[in-house]
C-alpha atoms as a PDB file:
ATOM      1  CA  MET A   1       3.538 101.232 124.799  1.00  0.00           C
ATOM      2  CA  GLU A   2       1.102 103.682 123.031  1.00  0.00           C
ATOM      3  CA  ASN A   3       0.710 103.617 119.192  1.00  0.00           C
ATOM      4  CA  LYS A   4       1.781 106.856 117.754  1.00  0.00           C
ATOM      5  CA  THR A   5      -1.095 108.315 115.595  1.00  0.00           C
ATOM      6  CA  SER A   6       0.317 111.415 114.485  1.00  0.00           C
ATOM      7  CA  PHE A   7       3.422 112.945 112.850  1.00  0.00           C
ATOM      8  CA  GLU A   8       5.222 115.750 114.545  1.00  0.00           C
ATOM      9  CA  ARG A   9       6.649 118.010 111.687  1.00  0.00           C
ATOM     10  CA  PRO A  10      10.134 119.094 112.174  1.00  0.00           C
ATOM     11  CA  GLU A  11      11.500 122.464 112.457  1.00  0.00           C
ATOM     12  CA  ILE A  12      13.882 123.993 109.766  1.00  0.00           C
ATOM     13  CA  GLY A  13      16.419 126.462 110.029  1.00  0.00           C
ATOM     14  CA  ALA A  14      19.976 127.075 110.763  1.00  0.00           C
ATOM     15  CA  PHE A  15      22.334 126.056 113.682  1.00  0.00           C
ATOM     16  CA  TYR A  16      25.701 126.700 115.061  1.00  0.00           C
ATOM     17  CA  LEU A  17      27.774 124.682 117.549  1.00  0.00           C
ATOM     18  CA  VAL A  18      29.220 127.160 119.949  1.00  0.00           C
ATOM     19  CA  PRO A  19      32.237 126.124 122.332  1.00  0.00           C
ATOM     20  CA  GLU A  20      31.582 125.809 125.839  1.00  0.00           C
ATOM     21  CA  PRO A  21      35.278 126.085 127.473  1.00  0.00           C
ATOM     22  CA  LYS A  22      34.168 124.707 130.893  1.00  0.00           C
ATOM     23  CA  THR A  23      32.896 121.414 129.505  1.00  0.00           C
ATOM     24  CA  GLY A  24      34.946 121.245 126.368  1.00  0.00           C
ATOM     25  CA  ARG A  25      31.785 120.515 124.546  1.00  0.00           C
ATOM     26  CA  TYR A  26      29.569 122.390 121.957  1.00  0.00           C
ATOM     27  CA  THR A  27      26.257 123.830 122.504  1.00  0.00           C
ATOM     28  CA  ILE A  28      24.010 123.768 119.634  1.00  0.00           C
ATOM     29  CA  LEU A  29      22.206 127.352 119.141  1.00  0.00           C
ATOM     30  CA  SER A  30      19.470 127.488 116.608  1.00  0.00           C
ATOM     31  CA  ALA A  31      17.183 129.539 114.713  1.00  0.00           C
ATOM     32  CA  PHE A  32      14.083 128.433 113.255  1.00  0.00           C
ATOM     33  CA  ASP A  33      12.529 129.611 110.033  1.00  0.00           C
ATOM     34  CA  ARG A  34       8.810 130.536 110.288  1.00  0.00           C
ATOM     35  CA  PRO A  35       6.644 130.852 107.188  1.00  0.00           C
ATOM     36  CA  GLY A  36       5.978 134.494 106.083  1.00  0.00           C
ATOM     37  CA  GLU A  37       9.093 135.763 108.238  1.00  0.00           C
ATOM     38  CA  ASP A  38      12.317 136.942 107.338  1.00  0.00           C
ATOM     39  CA  SER A  39      14.947 134.180 107.698  1.00  0.00           C
ATOM     40  CA  ALA A  40      15.890 133.865 111.511  1.00  0.00           C
ATOM     41  CA  HIS A  41      19.295 132.703 110.677  1.00  0.00           C
ATOM     42  CA  LEU A  42      20.139 136.303 109.815  1.00  0.00           C
ATOM     43  CA  PHE A  43      19.986 137.093 113.368  1.00  0.00           C
ATOM     44  CA  LEU A  44      21.684 133.736 114.686  1.00  0.00           C
ATOM     45  CA  TRP A  45      25.201 135.088 114.419  1.00  0.00           C
ATOM     46  CA  ASP A  46      24.505 138.006 116.773  1.00  0.00           C
ATOM     47  CA  LYS A  47      23.054 135.262 119.201  1.00  0.00           C
ATOM     48  CA  VAL A  48      26.273 133.394 118.904  1.00  0.00           C
ATOM     49  CA  LYS A  49      28.520 136.207 119.597  1.00  0.00           C
ATOM     50  CA  ASN A  50      26.397 137.106 122.753  1.00  0.00           C
ATOM     51  CA  LEU A  51      26.811 133.468 124.131  1.00  0.00           C
ATOM     52  CA  LEU A  52      30.606 133.636 123.251  1.00  0.00           C
ATOM     53  CA  ARG A  53      30.872 136.973 125.266  1.00  0.00           C
ATOM     54  CA  VAL A  54      29.352 135.137 128.318  1.00  0.00           C
ATOM     55  CA  ARG A  55      31.564 131.957 127.770  1.00  0.00           C
ATOM     56  CA  PHE A  56      34.968 133.700 127.056  1.00  0.00           C
ATOM     57  CA  LYS A  57      35.003 136.653 129.525  1.00  0.00           C
ATOM     58  CA  GLY A  58      37.616 139.124 128.816  1.00  0.00           C
ATOM     59  CA  VAL A  59      37.887 138.179 125.039  1.00  0.00           C
ATOM     60  CA  ASP A  60      36.971 140.893 122.595  1.00  0.00           C
ATOM     61  CA  ILE A  61      34.332 138.953 120.708  1.00  0.00           C
ATOM     62  CA  ASP A  62      33.999 142.013 118.386  1.00  0.00           C
ATOM     63  CA  LEU A  63      37.207 141.034 116.577  1.00  0.00           C
ATOM     64  CA  ILE A  64      35.250 137.890 115.004  1.00  0.00           C
ATOM     65  CA  SER A  65      32.133 139.891 114.145  1.00  0.00           C
ATOM     66  CA  ASP A  66      32.709 139.220 110.411  1.00  0.00           C
ATOM     67  CA  SER A  67      33.723 135.495 110.976  1.00  0.00           C
ATOM     68  CA  TYR A  68      30.424 133.850 110.870  1.00  0.00           C
ATOM     69  CA  MET A  69      31.855 130.888 108.942  1.00  0.00           C
ATOM     70  CA  GLY A  70      34.608 130.232 111.582  1.00  0.00           C
ATOM     71  CA  LEU A  71      32.437 127.952 113.868  1.00  0.00           C
ATOM     72  CA  PRO A  72      30.845 124.554 112.851  1.00  0.00           C
ATOM     73  CA  ARG A  73      27.458 125.185 111.524  1.00  0.00           C
ATOM     74  CA  GLY A  74      24.521 123.597 109.637  1.00  0.00           C
ATOM     75  CA  ARG A  75      21.066 123.757 108.470  1.00  0.00           C
ATOM     76  CA  VAL A  76      17.972 121.504 108.624  1.00  0.00           C
ATOM     77  CA  SER A  77      15.736 121.909 105.388  1.00  0.00           C
ATOM     78  CA  GLU A  78      12.885 120.369 103.975  1.00  0.00           C
ATOM     79  CA  ARG A  79      13.022 118.738 100.587  1.00  0.00           C
ATOM     80  CA  SER A  80       9.522 117.906 100.163  1.00  0.00           C
ATOM     81  CA  SER A  81       6.676 117.569 102.632  1.00  0.00           C
ATOM     82  CA  LYS A  82       7.772 114.317 103.397  1.00  0.00           C
ATOM     83  CA  ASP A  83      11.784 114.413 103.516  1.00  0.00           C
ATOM     84  CA  TRP A  84      14.230 116.500 105.452  1.00  0.00           C
ATOM     85  CA  LEU A  85      17.868 117.351 105.011  1.00  0.00           C
ATOM     86  CA  VAL A  86      20.398 118.121 107.735  1.00  0.00           C
ATOM     87  CA  LEU A  87      23.246 119.897 105.891  1.00  0.00           C
ATOM     88  CA  HIS A  88      26.529 120.324 107.603  1.00  0.00           C
ATOM     89  CA  GLY A  89      30.238 120.808 106.853  1.00  0.00           C
ATOM     90  CA  ASP A  90      31.512 117.741 108.287  1.00  0.00           C
ATOM     91  CA  ASP A  91      33.810 119.646 110.703  1.00  0.00           C
ATOM     92  CA  PHE A  92      32.360 118.644 113.891  1.00  0.00           C
ATOM     93  CA  PRO A  93      31.803 115.373 115.657  1.00  0.00           C
ATOM     94  CA  LEU A  94      28.251 114.542 114.038  1.00  0.00           C
ATOM     95  CA  ASP A  95      27.789 111.213 115.847  1.00  0.00           C
ATOM     96  CA  GLU A  96      28.146 112.840 119.311  1.00  0.00           C
ATOM     97  CA  TYR A  97      25.736 115.655 118.597  1.00  0.00           C
ATOM     98  CA  LYS A  98      23.329 113.998 116.000  1.00  0.00           C
ATOM     99  CA  GLN A  99      20.727 113.320 118.723  1.00  0.00           C
ATOM    100  CA  GLU A 100      20.946 116.990 119.948  1.00  0.00           C
ATOM    101  CA  ILE A 101      20.096 118.147 116.573  1.00  0.00           C
ATOM    102  CA  ILE A 102      17.337 115.545 116.091  1.00  0.00           C
ATOM    103  CA  SER A 103      15.653 116.601 119.469  1.00  0.00           C
ATOM    104  CA  GLU A 104      16.332 120.430 118.767  1.00  0.00           C
ATOM    105  CA  TYR A 105      14.653 120.162 115.301  1.00  0.00           C
ATOM    106  CA  ARG A 106      11.948 117.645 116.489  1.00  0.00           C
ATOM    107  CA  LEU A 107      13.218 115.216 113.854  1.00  0.00           C
ATOM    108  CA  GLN A 108      12.165 112.204 115.867  1.00  0.00           C
ATOM    109  CA  ASP A 109       9.399 111.114 113.926  1.00  0.00           C
ATOM    110  CA  ALA A 110      11.066 111.708 110.501  1.00  0.00           C
ATOM    111  CA  VAL A 111      14.044 109.621 111.681  1.00  0.00           C
ATOM    112  CA  SER A 112      11.942 107.047 112.713  1.00  0.00           C
ATOM    113  CA  ILE A 113      10.258 106.505 109.112  1.00  0.00           C
ATOM    114  CA  ASN A 114      13.761 107.244 107.570  1.00  0.00           C
ATOM    115  CA  ARG A 115      12.874 110.546 106.066  1.00  0.00           C
ATOM    116  CA  VAL A 116      15.914 112.422 107.144  1.00  0.00           C
ATOM    117  CA  SER A 117      19.378 112.671 105.109  1.00  0.00           C
ATOM    118  CA  TRP A 118      22.403 113.798 106.729  1.00  0.00           C
ATOM    119  CA  ILE A 119      24.399 115.582 103.887  1.00  0.00           C
ATOM    120  CA  ILE A 120      28.058 117.088 103.660  1.00  0.00           C
ATOM    121  CA  GLU A 121      27.320 120.742 102.010  1.00  0.00           C
ATOM    122  CA  SER A 122      30.365 122.758 101.110  1.00  0.00           C
ATOM    123  CA  HIS A 123      28.255 125.987 101.936  1.00  0.00           C
ATOM    124  CA  GLU A 124      28.099 124.664 105.528  1.00  0.00           C
ATOM    125  CA  LYS A 125      31.819 124.045 105.869  1.00  0.00           C
ATOM    126  CA  MET A 126      33.993 126.451 107.895  1.00  0.00           C
ATOM    127  CA  ASN A 127      36.119 128.991 105.919  1.00  0.00           C
ATOM    128  CA  PRO A 128      39.781 128.215 106.718  1.00  0.00           C
ATOM    129  CA  ARG A 129      40.531 131.975 107.064  1.00  0.00           C
ATOM    130  CA  GLU A 130      37.634 132.747 109.349  1.00  0.00           C
ATOM    131  CA  LYS A 131      38.239 129.536 111.402  1.00  0.00           C
ATOM    132  CA  ALA A 132      41.907 130.711 112.058  1.00  0.00           C
ATOM    133  CA  ILE A 133      40.528 134.064 113.319  1.00  0.00           C
ATOM    134  CA  VAL A 134      38.023 132.449 115.610  1.00  0.00           C
ATOM    135  CA  GLU A 135      40.609 129.998 116.854  1.00  0.00           C
ATOM    136  CA  ASN A 136      42.996 132.838 117.412  1.00  0.00           C
ATOM    137  CA  ILE A 137      40.782 134.991 119.338  1.00  0.00           C
ATOM    138  CA  LEU A 138      39.112 132.216 121.329  1.00  0.00           C
ATOM    139  CA  LYS A 139      42.427 130.530 121.919  1.00  0.00           C
ATOM    140  CA  ILE A 140      40.947 127.259 120.661  1.00  0.00           C
ATOM    141  CA  LYS A 141      41.749 124.647 118.173  1.00  0.00           C
ATOM    142  CA  ILE A 142      38.715 123.394 116.188  1.00  0.00           C
ATOM    143  CA  THR A 143      39.065 119.958 114.355  1.00  0.00           C
ATOM    144  CA  PRO A 144      36.410 117.408 113.049  1.00  0.00           C
ATOM    145  CA  GLY A 145      36.744 115.721 116.426  1.00  0.00           C
ATOM    146  CA  GLY A 146      35.593 118.717 118.483  1.00  0.00           C
ATOM    147  CA  PHE A 147      37.480 121.591 119.823  1.00  0.00           C
ATOM    148  CA  LYS A 148      40.449 121.871 122.520  1.00  0.00           C
ATOM    149  CA  MET A 149      41.401 124.937 124.698  1.00  0.00           C
ATOM    150  CA  SER A 150      44.840 126.325 124.444  1.00  0.00           C
ATOM    151  CA  LYS A 151      46.927 125.768 127.543  1.00  0.00           C
ATOM    152  CA  VAL A 152      47.518 129.436 127.732  1.00  0.00           C
ATOM    153  CA  PHE A 153      43.751 130.075 128.036  1.00  0.00           C
ATOM    154  CA  LYS A 154      43.149 127.263 130.061  1.00  0.00           C
ATOM    155  CA  ASN A 155      45.742 128.562 132.711  1.00  0.00           C
ATOM    156  CA  LYS A 156      43.562 131.888 132.853  1.00  0.00           C
ATOM    157  CA  GLY A 157      40.696 130.005 134.511  1.00  0.00           C
ATOM    158  CA  VAL A 158      38.231 130.446 131.903  1.00  0.00           C
END
């Protein structure tokens, strides 16, 4: 095995967990913040809605346009030049998606030297009212253990 001589700097930015009805799993959709640019997370919700349109054909996704706190989400941020935080609302199965987040944000090196903290942050929690709107429109039930499709929606063949 080769000795690693350099440190890969992690990405920072926001992410959503977007339900995929065919697999019953989430997909992580991310936006990386770049120095000197406007925060990319401002456009991330539009990307989420576009992906939902593809995945939930026949559903009026515009009905959830203002419900950006209705899906699980989080953010990777830099506490210092040597420490990173993964902030999340503790409303998705973190253990199941941890490796995907690590990979997406290139956190492998930072994790290997114990420089990543996983922190529950109230700002990242789903808003109960917005969550209910998303669940009603998408016909899903979101829990900390994942999401489930309603039987009505499953029978439509989505």
